[in-house]
């Protein structure tokens, strides 16, 4: 089954269409009553029409796994992966995040999270956990430089402290040299984008996890 045919089946279910209504819609749009008989272009036309009626296709990552949905999902995922890269969370999978969301808010899935106050409760719980266990300082003062206001910097800084074992090391030349080595460009003292901090946090996270494994093996 092609992905577009699968998407049409999902749309049928999402829109609550019975077989007769579904096939009637297909016929009105393309003159055909079966998705299998359509060309790929025709299927995409039907998908577009169903989108206008409220269909929301399942989003997937490059590895094929389904993305979490909901307007607060991306923020929650980013914080959960940050916790993983700080060595706090052992399981970065969405199922573990959803279990945490459920415990904190009583909501079963991010797609059901409609109100900011519910999301804020979970977001602040993760941030407090990260601050407590990994020393991430989320505060921003009047004199805080622009580059240091980014969440990516705050997390990477805490990661570096975990790796080098001292607060001074977080603001050392070695920190910026490591960042340059990952990002591949001169970055010291400038404001990186959120996208630029991601590979830095991921690489520091890999090093932190390797270190934990090595310490465990020695123990």
Foldseek 3Di string as FASTA:
>chain_A
DDPLLVQLVQLCVVLVHDLVRQQVLLCVQPVGRHPVPDDPVSSVSSSVVSVVVPRDGFDADPVGHTQADAPLRVVLLVLLVLCLLLVNDVDSDVVVSQVLLCVQQVDRGRNPDDDPVSSVSSNVVSVVVCCVPQVQDQDDDPPRDPQCNDPLLSSLLSLQCLVVVDNVSSLDPVSQVLLCVQLVDRDPPHHDDPVSSVSSSVVSSVVNVVVVVVVVVVD
